[in-house]
Amino acid sequence: MAATVQIEEITGTAGSETYTVKNTSKFSRYFTEDTHASSQTTNPIPIPTNNGGVSGSYWKTHCINVTVAPSTYIKNLRYYINWAAHPSSTSEWDLGYKGDHVIGISSATIADARIYTQGFPTSQYDQATGVVGVYGDFISGNHSYYSAIATALSGGATSTYDFTTQGNAYMVQSGQVVGATTGRSYCIVTQVLVASGATQGEKADKTATFVYDEV
């Protein structure tokens, strides 16, 4: 029997966190606040006024939850976003020269990030931090899981533009995710970086995809 899988966003204090189902009607938005709201417009990410400055959203944590078990197992969970150009470009989110949409990484190279597990167990969930309405702390150097890995690329975060198709996807969890049972996968953490020179306003929706092998 085919498995049933849902995407969840995790927010709140570690140990009593909230898991919110995300789909095409309840999507994820990036704020300077730890919230799973899909329509809120308060606490947007400010555009820095100093030349070369960068502001971050609060980071977002996502996983998949297998609610109906596969016949045998699910393995090799991957993630990618359908960027046609870099997130900073005027044809995408126009985030300023140093702007980006980044993801936590534990490998030293992009090539390894497409092969080896980059995500982390839900037991190591780390609540997003920052100053509400002002800035979010960067994944790089602040997320407890990625900042502890000395060999991680770019201090623990890299652009999701490195992972734009199923063929070059980011490896969330290699090997078996679940057997013939239910349960949650490893997590990913992402963040929007807005740089000076960015264009103000709500950005076009982008499709982020989790893909896996099922037997």
C-alpha atoms as a PDB file:
ATOM      1  CA  MET A   1       0.000   0.000   0.000  1.00  0.00           C
ATOM      2  CA  ALA A   2       1.261   3.488  -0.830  1.00  0.00           C
ATOM      3  CA  ALA A   3       2.278   5.631   2.099  1.00  0.00           C
ATOM      4  CA  THR A   4       0.550   8.883   3.054  1.00  0.00           C
ATOM      5  CA  VAL A   5       2.988  11.706   3.758  1.00  0.00           C
ATOM      6  CA  GLN A   6       2.456  15.308   4.868  1.00  0.00           C
ATOM      7  CA  ILE A   7       4.851  18.245   5.133  1.00  0.00           C
ATOM      8  CA  GLU A   8       5.030  19.904   8.541  1.00  0.00           C
ATOM      9  CA  GLU A   9       6.511  23.172   9.792  1.00  0.00           C
ATOM     10  CA  ILE A  10       7.861  23.167  13.343  1.00  0.00           C
ATOM     11  CA  THR A  11       7.642  26.237  15.587  1.00  0.00           C
ATOM     12  CA  GLY A  12       7.732  27.043  19.287  1.00  0.00           C
ATOM     13  CA  THR A  13       9.878  26.089  22.230  1.00  0.00           C
ATOM     14  CA  ALA A  14      11.914  22.890  21.926  1.00  0.00           C
ATOM     15  CA  GLY A  15      10.271  20.180  23.979  1.00  0.00           C
ATOM     16  CA  SER A  16       6.773  21.581  23.455  1.00  0.00           C
ATOM     17  CA  GLU A  17       7.032  22.513  19.790  1.00  0.00           C
ATOM     18  CA  THR A  18       4.079  22.760  17.394  1.00  0.00           C
ATOM     19  CA  TYR A  19       3.830  20.751  14.161  1.00  0.00           C
ATOM     20  CA  THR A  20       1.695  22.489  11.515  1.00  0.00           C
ATOM     21  CA  VAL A  21       0.710  20.777   8.267  1.00  0.00           C
ATOM     22  CA  LYS A  22       1.727  22.747   5.167  1.00  0.00           C
ATOM     23  CA  ASN A  23       0.176  22.402   1.709  1.00  0.00           C
ATOM     24  CA  THR A  24      -0.923  24.581  -1.216  1.00  0.00           C
ATOM     25  CA  SER A  25      -3.508  26.385   0.919  1.00  0.00           C
ATOM     26  CA  LYS A  26      -1.386  26.629   4.075  1.00  0.00           C
ATOM     27  CA  PHE A  27       2.038  27.588   2.796  1.00  0.00           C
ATOM     28  CA  SER A  28       5.135  28.835   4.628  1.00  0.00           C
ATOM     29  CA  ARG A  29       5.983  32.533   4.899  1.00  0.00           C
ATOM     30  CA  TYR A  30       9.194  34.077   6.220  1.00  0.00           C
ATOM     31  CA  PHE A  31       8.956  36.713   8.956  1.00  0.00           C
ATOM     32  CA  THR A  32      11.031  38.244  11.720  1.00  0.00           C
ATOM     33  CA  GLU A  33       9.034  36.104  14.130  1.00  0.00           C
ATOM     34  CA  ASP A  34       8.759  32.407  14.994  1.00  0.00           C
ATOM     35  CA  THR A  35       5.299  31.742  13.559  1.00  0.00           C
ATOM     36  CA  HIS A  36       3.675  29.180  11.281  1.00  0.00           C
ATOM     37  CA  ALA A  37       1.049  31.672  10.021  1.00  0.00           C
ATOM     38  CA  SER A  38       0.475  31.515   6.269  1.00  0.00           C
ATOM     39  CA  SER A  39      -1.349  34.833   5.760  1.00  0.00           C
ATOM     40  CA  GLN A  40       0.169  37.155   8.379  1.00  0.00           C
ATOM     41  CA  THR A  41       1.765  40.330   7.016  1.00  0.00           C
ATOM     42  CA  THR A  42       3.184  41.846  10.219  1.00  0.00           C
ATOM     43  CA  ASN A  43       6.891  41.645  11.127  1.00  0.00           C
ATOM     44  CA  PRO A  44       8.295  41.500   7.580  1.00  0.00           C
ATOM     45  CA  ILE A  45      12.046  41.304   6.994  1.00  0.00           C
ATOM     46  CA  PRO A  46      13.482  44.857   6.955  1.00  0.00           C
ATOM     47  CA  ILE A  47      15.691  45.986   4.084  1.00  0.00           C
ATOM     48  CA  PRO A  48      19.038  47.180   5.520  1.00  0.00           C
ATOM     49  CA  THR A  49      19.783  50.846   4.899  1.00  0.00           C
ATOM     50  CA  ASN A  50      23.560  50.502   5.188  1.00  0.00           C
ATOM     51  CA  ASN A  51      25.362  49.559   1.989  1.00  0.00           C
ATOM     52  CA  GLY A  52      26.227  45.852   2.008  1.00  0.00           C
ATOM     53  CA  GLY A  53      24.075  45.071   5.034  1.00  0.00           C
ATOM     54  CA  VAL A  54      22.054  41.863   5.325  1.00  0.00           C
ATOM     55  CA  SER A  55      18.969  41.077   7.435  1.00  0.00           C
ATOM     56  CA  GLY A  56      17.647  37.589   8.107  1.00  0.00           C
ATOM     57  CA  SER A  57      14.191  36.194   8.631  1.00  0.00           C
ATOM     58  CA  TYR A  58      13.668  33.835  11.518  1.00  0.00           C
ATOM     59  CA  TRP A  59      14.687  30.431  10.196  1.00  0.00           C
ATOM     60  CA  LYS A  60      12.021  27.853   9.232  1.00  0.00           C
ATOM     61  CA  THR A  61      12.124  24.173  10.219  1.00  0.00           C
ATOM     62  CA  HIS A  62      10.314  21.541   8.119  1.00  0.00           C
ATOM     63  CA  CYS A  63      10.053  17.754   8.017  1.00  0.00           C
ATOM     64  CA  ILE A  64       7.773  15.134   6.525  1.00  0.00           C
ATOM     65  CA  ASN A  65       5.427  13.026   8.630  1.00  0.00           C
ATOM     66  CA  VAL A  66       4.484   9.567   7.356  1.00  0.00           C
ATOM     67  CA  THR A  67       0.920   9.118   8.604  1.00  0.00           C
ATOM     68  CA  VAL A  68       0.092   5.915   6.683  1.00  0.00           C
ATOM     69  CA  ALA A  69       2.970   3.413   6.538  1.00  0.00           C
ATOM     70  CA  PRO A  70       4.548   2.191   3.294  1.00  0.00           C
ATOM     71  CA  SER A  71       4.464  -1.531   2.484  1.00  0.00           C
ATOM     72  CA  THR A  72       8.208  -1.918   3.147  1.00  0.00           C
ATOM     73  CA  TYR A  73      10.073   1.386   3.600  1.00  0.00           C
ATOM     74  CA  ILE A  74      10.674   4.983   2.498  1.00  0.00           C
ATOM     75  CA  LYS A  75      14.270   6.015   1.863  1.00  0.00           C
ATOM     76  CA  ASN A  76      16.467   8.788   0.458  1.00  0.00           C
ATOM     77  CA  LEU A  77      14.443  11.889   1.288  1.00  0.00           C
ATOM     78  CA  ARG A  78      15.534  14.857  -0.861  1.00  0.00           C
ATOM     79  CA  TYR A  79      14.525  18.531  -1.189  1.00  0.00           C
ATOM     80  CA  TYR A  80      14.721  21.130  -3.939  1.00  0.00           C
ATOM     81  CA  ILE A  81      13.181  24.462  -5.027  1.00  0.00           C
ATOM     82  CA  ASN A  82      12.255  25.405  -8.598  1.00  0.00           C
ATOM     83  CA  TRP A  83      14.418  28.527  -8.871  1.00  0.00           C
ATOM     84  CA  ALA A  84      14.899  29.653 -12.478  1.00  0.00           C
ATOM     85  CA  ALA A  85      17.632  32.065 -11.341  1.00  0.00           C
ATOM     86  CA  HIS A  86      19.361  32.933  -8.055  1.00  0.00           C
ATOM     87  CA  PRO A  87      16.890  34.117  -5.352  1.00  0.00           C
ATOM     88  CA  SER A  88      18.612  37.519  -5.267  1.00  0.00           C
ATOM     89  CA  SER A  89      17.994  38.173  -8.966  1.00  0.00           C
ATOM     90  CA  THR A  90      15.401  40.651 -10.228  1.00  0.00           C
ATOM     91  CA  SER A  91      13.607  37.819 -12.041  1.00  0.00           C
ATOM     92  CA  GLU A  92      13.079  35.982  -8.739  1.00  0.00           C
ATOM     93  CA  TRP A  93      12.826  37.612  -5.271  1.00  0.00           C
ATOM     94  CA  ASP A  94      15.102  40.638  -5.892  1.00  0.00           C
ATOM     95  CA  LEU A  95      16.712  40.357  -2.443  1.00  0.00           C
ATOM     96  CA  GLY A  96      19.692  42.624  -3.101  1.00  0.00           C
ATOM     97  CA  TYR A  97      23.205  41.693  -4.200  1.00  0.00           C
ATOM     98  CA  LYS A  98      23.970  39.679  -1.040  1.00  0.00           C
ATOM     99  CA  GLY A  99      20.419  38.429  -0.523  1.00  0.00           C
ATOM    100  CA  ASP A 100      19.574  34.733  -0.678  1.00  0.00           C
ATOM    101  CA  HIS A 101      17.368  31.858   0.420  1.00  0.00           C
ATOM    102  CA  VAL A 102      19.627  29.528   2.390  1.00  0.00           C
ATOM    103  CA  ILE A 103      19.467  26.051   3.906  1.00  0.00           C
ATOM    104  CA  GLY A 104      21.426  24.426   6.735  1.00  0.00           C
ATOM    105  CA  ILE A 105      24.244  22.202   5.500  1.00  0.00           C
ATOM    106  CA  SER A 106      26.506  19.747   7.322  1.00  0.00           C
ATOM    107  CA  SER A 107      28.847  18.730   4.486  1.00  0.00           C
ATOM    108  CA  ALA A 108      31.927  20.568   3.250  1.00  0.00           C
ATOM    109  CA  THR A 109      30.866  20.515  -0.416  1.00  0.00           C
ATOM    110  CA  ILE A 110      27.671  20.866  -2.458  1.00  0.00           C
ATOM    111  CA  ALA A 111      28.435  17.536  -4.152  1.00  0.00           C
ATOM    112  CA  ASP A 112      28.442  15.781  -0.763  1.00  0.00           C
ATOM    113  CA  ALA A 113      25.226  17.570   0.242  1.00  0.00           C
ATOM    114  CA  ARG A 114      23.486  15.800  -2.649  1.00  0.00           C
ATOM    115  CA  ILE A 115      24.600  12.371  -1.413  1.00  0.00           C
ATOM    116  CA  TYR A 116      24.934  12.390   2.381  1.00  0.00           C
ATOM    117  CA  THR A 117      22.372  13.228   5.070  1.00  0.00           C
ATOM    118  CA  GLN A 118      22.195  16.985   5.749  1.00  0.00           C
ATOM    119  CA  GLY A 119      19.121  17.098   7.966  1.00  0.00           C
ATOM    120  CA  PHE A 120      18.801  16.493  11.699  1.00  0.00           C
ATOM    121  CA  PRO A 121      16.437  14.470  13.917  1.00  0.00           C
ATOM    122  CA  THR A 122      13.370  16.182  15.364  1.00  0.00           C
ATOM    123  CA  SER A 123      14.937  15.605  18.787  1.00  0.00           C
ATOM    124  CA  GLN A 124      17.545  18.230  17.820  1.00  0.00           C
ATOM    125  CA  TYR A 125      15.011  20.847  16.766  1.00  0.00           C
ATOM    126  CA  ASP A 126      16.237  24.369  17.568  1.00  0.00           C
ATOM    127  CA  GLN A 127      13.692  27.186  17.862  1.00  0.00           C
ATOM    128  CA  ALA A 128      14.313  30.200  15.624  1.00  0.00           C
ATOM    129  CA  THR A 129      15.711  33.233  17.431  1.00  0.00           C
ATOM    130  CA  GLY A 130      16.240  36.948  16.828  1.00  0.00           C
ATOM    131  CA  VAL A 131      14.451  40.203  17.675  1.00  0.00           C
ATOM    132  CA  VAL A 132      10.795  40.189  16.673  1.00  0.00           C
ATOM    133  CA  GLY A 133      10.116  42.722  13.937  1.00  0.00           C
ATOM    134  CA  VAL A 134      13.810  43.585  13.566  1.00  0.00           C
ATOM    135  CA  TYR A 135      15.893  40.580  12.464  1.00  0.00           C
ATOM    136  CA  GLY A 136      16.317  36.824  12.728  1.00  0.00           C
ATOM    137  CA  ASP A 137      19.590  35.253  13.811  1.00  0.00           C
ATOM    138  CA  PHE A 138      21.472  33.613  10.950  1.00  0.00           C
ATOM    139  CA  ILE A 139      21.513  29.820  10.615  1.00  0.00           C
ATOM    140  CA  SER A 140      25.245  30.110  10.093  1.00  0.00           C
ATOM    141  CA  GLY A 141      26.844  30.402  13.514  1.00  0.00           C
ATOM    142  CA  ASN A 142      23.575  30.311  15.488  1.00  0.00           C
ATOM    143  CA  HIS A 143      21.613  27.148  14.754  1.00  0.00           C
ATOM    144  CA  SER A 144      22.725  24.693  17.453  1.00  0.00           C
ATOM    145  CA  TYR A 145      23.023  21.719  15.078  1.00  0.00           C
ATOM    146  CA  TYR A 146      24.816  23.315  12.129  1.00  0.00           C
ATOM    147  CA  SER A 147      27.033  25.694  14.089  1.00  0.00           C
ATOM    148  CA  ALA A 148      28.517  22.708  15.950  1.00  0.00           C
ATOM    149  CA  ILE A 149      29.802  21.082  12.731  1.00  0.00           C
ATOM    150  CA  ALA A 150      33.278  22.458  12.069  1.00  0.00           C
ATOM    151  CA  THR A 151      33.500  21.075   8.529  1.00  0.00           C
ATOM    152  CA  ALA A 152      30.155  22.458   7.319  1.00  0.00           C
ATOM    153  CA  LEU A 153      30.233  24.599   4.182  1.00  0.00           C
ATOM    154  CA  SER A 154      29.908  28.376   4.652  1.00  0.00           C
ATOM    155  CA  GLY A 155      29.522  28.158   8.411  1.00  0.00           C
ATOM    156  CA  GLY A 156      26.561  25.796   8.184  1.00  0.00           C
ATOM    157  CA  ALA A 157      24.349  27.298   5.462  1.00  0.00           C
ATOM    158  CA  THR A 158      24.317  27.525   1.670  1.00  0.00           C
ATOM    159  CA  SER A 159      21.991  28.801  -1.054  1.00  0.00           C
ATOM    160  CA  THR A 160      19.008  26.683  -2.078  1.00  0.00           C
ATOM    161  CA  TYR A 161      19.936  27.737  -5.626  1.00  0.00           C
ATOM    162  CA  ASP A 162      22.413  24.840  -5.424  1.00  0.00           C
ATOM    163  CA  PHE A 163      19.401  22.468  -5.341  1.00  0.00           C
ATOM    164  CA  THR A 164      16.874  23.302  -8.070  1.00  0.00           C
ATOM    165  CA  THR A 165      15.844  19.934  -9.576  1.00  0.00           C
ATOM    166  CA  GLN A 166      15.258  16.373  -8.476  1.00  0.00           C
ATOM    167  CA  GLY A 167      18.530  15.449 -10.160  1.00  0.00           C
ATOM    168  CA  ASN A 168      20.600  17.847  -8.048  1.00  0.00           C
ATOM    169  CA  ALA A 169      18.464  17.823  -4.889  1.00  0.00           C
ATOM    170  CA  TYR A 170      19.663  18.335  -1.309  1.00  0.00           C
ATOM    171  CA  MET A 171      19.813  15.042   0.630  1.00  0.00           C
ATOM    172  CA  VAL A 172      17.701  15.482   3.742  1.00  0.00           C
ATOM    173  CA  GLN A 173      18.060  11.885   4.946  1.00  0.00           C
ATOM    174  CA  SER A 174      19.879   9.148   3.076  1.00  0.00           C
ATOM    175  CA  GLY A 175      19.001   5.494   3.567  1.00  0.00           C
ATOM    176  CA  GLN A 176      15.826   4.396   5.316  1.00  0.00           C
ATOM    177  CA  VAL A 177      13.579   7.142   6.661  1.00  0.00           C
ATOM    178  CA  VAL A 178      10.866   4.802   8.000  1.00  0.00           C
ATOM    179  CA  GLY A 179      10.188   1.095   7.608  1.00  0.00           C
ATOM    180  CA  ALA A 180       6.665  -0.327   7.364  1.00  0.00           C
ATOM    181  CA  THR A 181       5.542   2.130   9.998  1.00  0.00           C
ATOM    182  CA  THR A 182       4.638   5.767  10.553  1.00  0.00           C
ATOM    183  CA  GLY A 183       6.884   8.523  11.846  1.00  0.00           C
ATOM    184  CA  ARG A 184       8.714  11.739  11.079  1.00  0.00           C
ATOM    185  CA  SER A 185      11.799  12.267   8.952  1.00  0.00           C
ATOM    186  CA  TYR A 186      14.869  14.331   9.671  1.00  0.00           C
ATOM    187  CA  CYS A 187      14.350  18.102   9.459  1.00  0.00           C
ATOM    188  CA  ILE A 188      15.638  20.901   7.265  1.00  0.00           C
ATOM    189  CA  VAL A 189      16.068  24.536   8.234  1.00  0.00           C
ATOM    190  CA  THR A 190      15.826  27.435   5.753  1.00  0.00           C
ATOM    191  CA  GLN A 191      15.995  31.228   5.922  1.00  0.00           C
ATOM    192  CA  VAL A 192      15.579  34.333   3.757  1.00  0.00           C
ATOM    193  CA  LEU A 193      18.411  36.872   3.706  1.00  0.00           C
ATOM    194  CA  VAL A 194      17.495  40.391   2.546  1.00  0.00           C
ATOM    195  CA  ALA A 195      20.317  42.729   1.557  1.00  0.00           C
ATOM    196  CA  SER A 196      20.582  46.465   0.945  1.00  0.00           C
ATOM    197  CA  GLY A 197      19.237  47.342  -2.487  1.00  0.00           C
ATOM    198  CA  ALA A 198      16.407  44.780  -2.302  1.00  0.00           C
ATOM    199  CA  THR A 199      12.986  45.630  -3.700  1.00  0.00           C
ATOM    200  CA  GLN A 200      10.271  45.983  -1.073  1.00  0.00           C
ATOM    201  CA  GLY A 201       7.071  43.960  -1.249  1.00  0.00           C
ATOM    202  CA  GLU A 202       5.581  40.485  -1.123  1.00  0.00           C
ATOM    203  CA  LYS A 203       7.439  37.984  -3.295  1.00  0.00           C
ATOM    204  CA  ALA A 204       6.054  35.432  -5.736  1.00  0.00           C
ATOM    205  CA  ASP A 205       5.360  31.981  -4.354  1.00  0.00           C
ATOM    206  CA  LYS A 206       7.965  29.297  -5.020  1.00  0.00           C
ATOM    207  CA  THR A 207       7.432  25.546  -4.995  1.00  0.00           C
ATOM    208  CA  ALA A 208       9.615  23.568  -2.605  1.00  0.00           C
ATOM    209  CA  THR A 209       9.501  19.801  -3.148  1.00  0.00           C
ATOM    210  CA  PHE A 210      10.309  16.801  -0.965  1.00  0.00           C
ATOM    211  CA  VAL A 211      10.904  13.605  -2.944  1.00  0.00           C
ATOM    212  CA  TYR A 212      11.672  10.083  -1.725  1.00  0.00           C
ATOM    213  CA  ASP A 213      11.890   6.450  -2.812  1.00  0.00           C
ATOM    214  CA  GLU A 214       9.159   4.096  -1.641  1.00  0.00           C
ATOM    215  CA  VAL A 215       8.998   0.307  -1.697  1.00  0.00           C
END
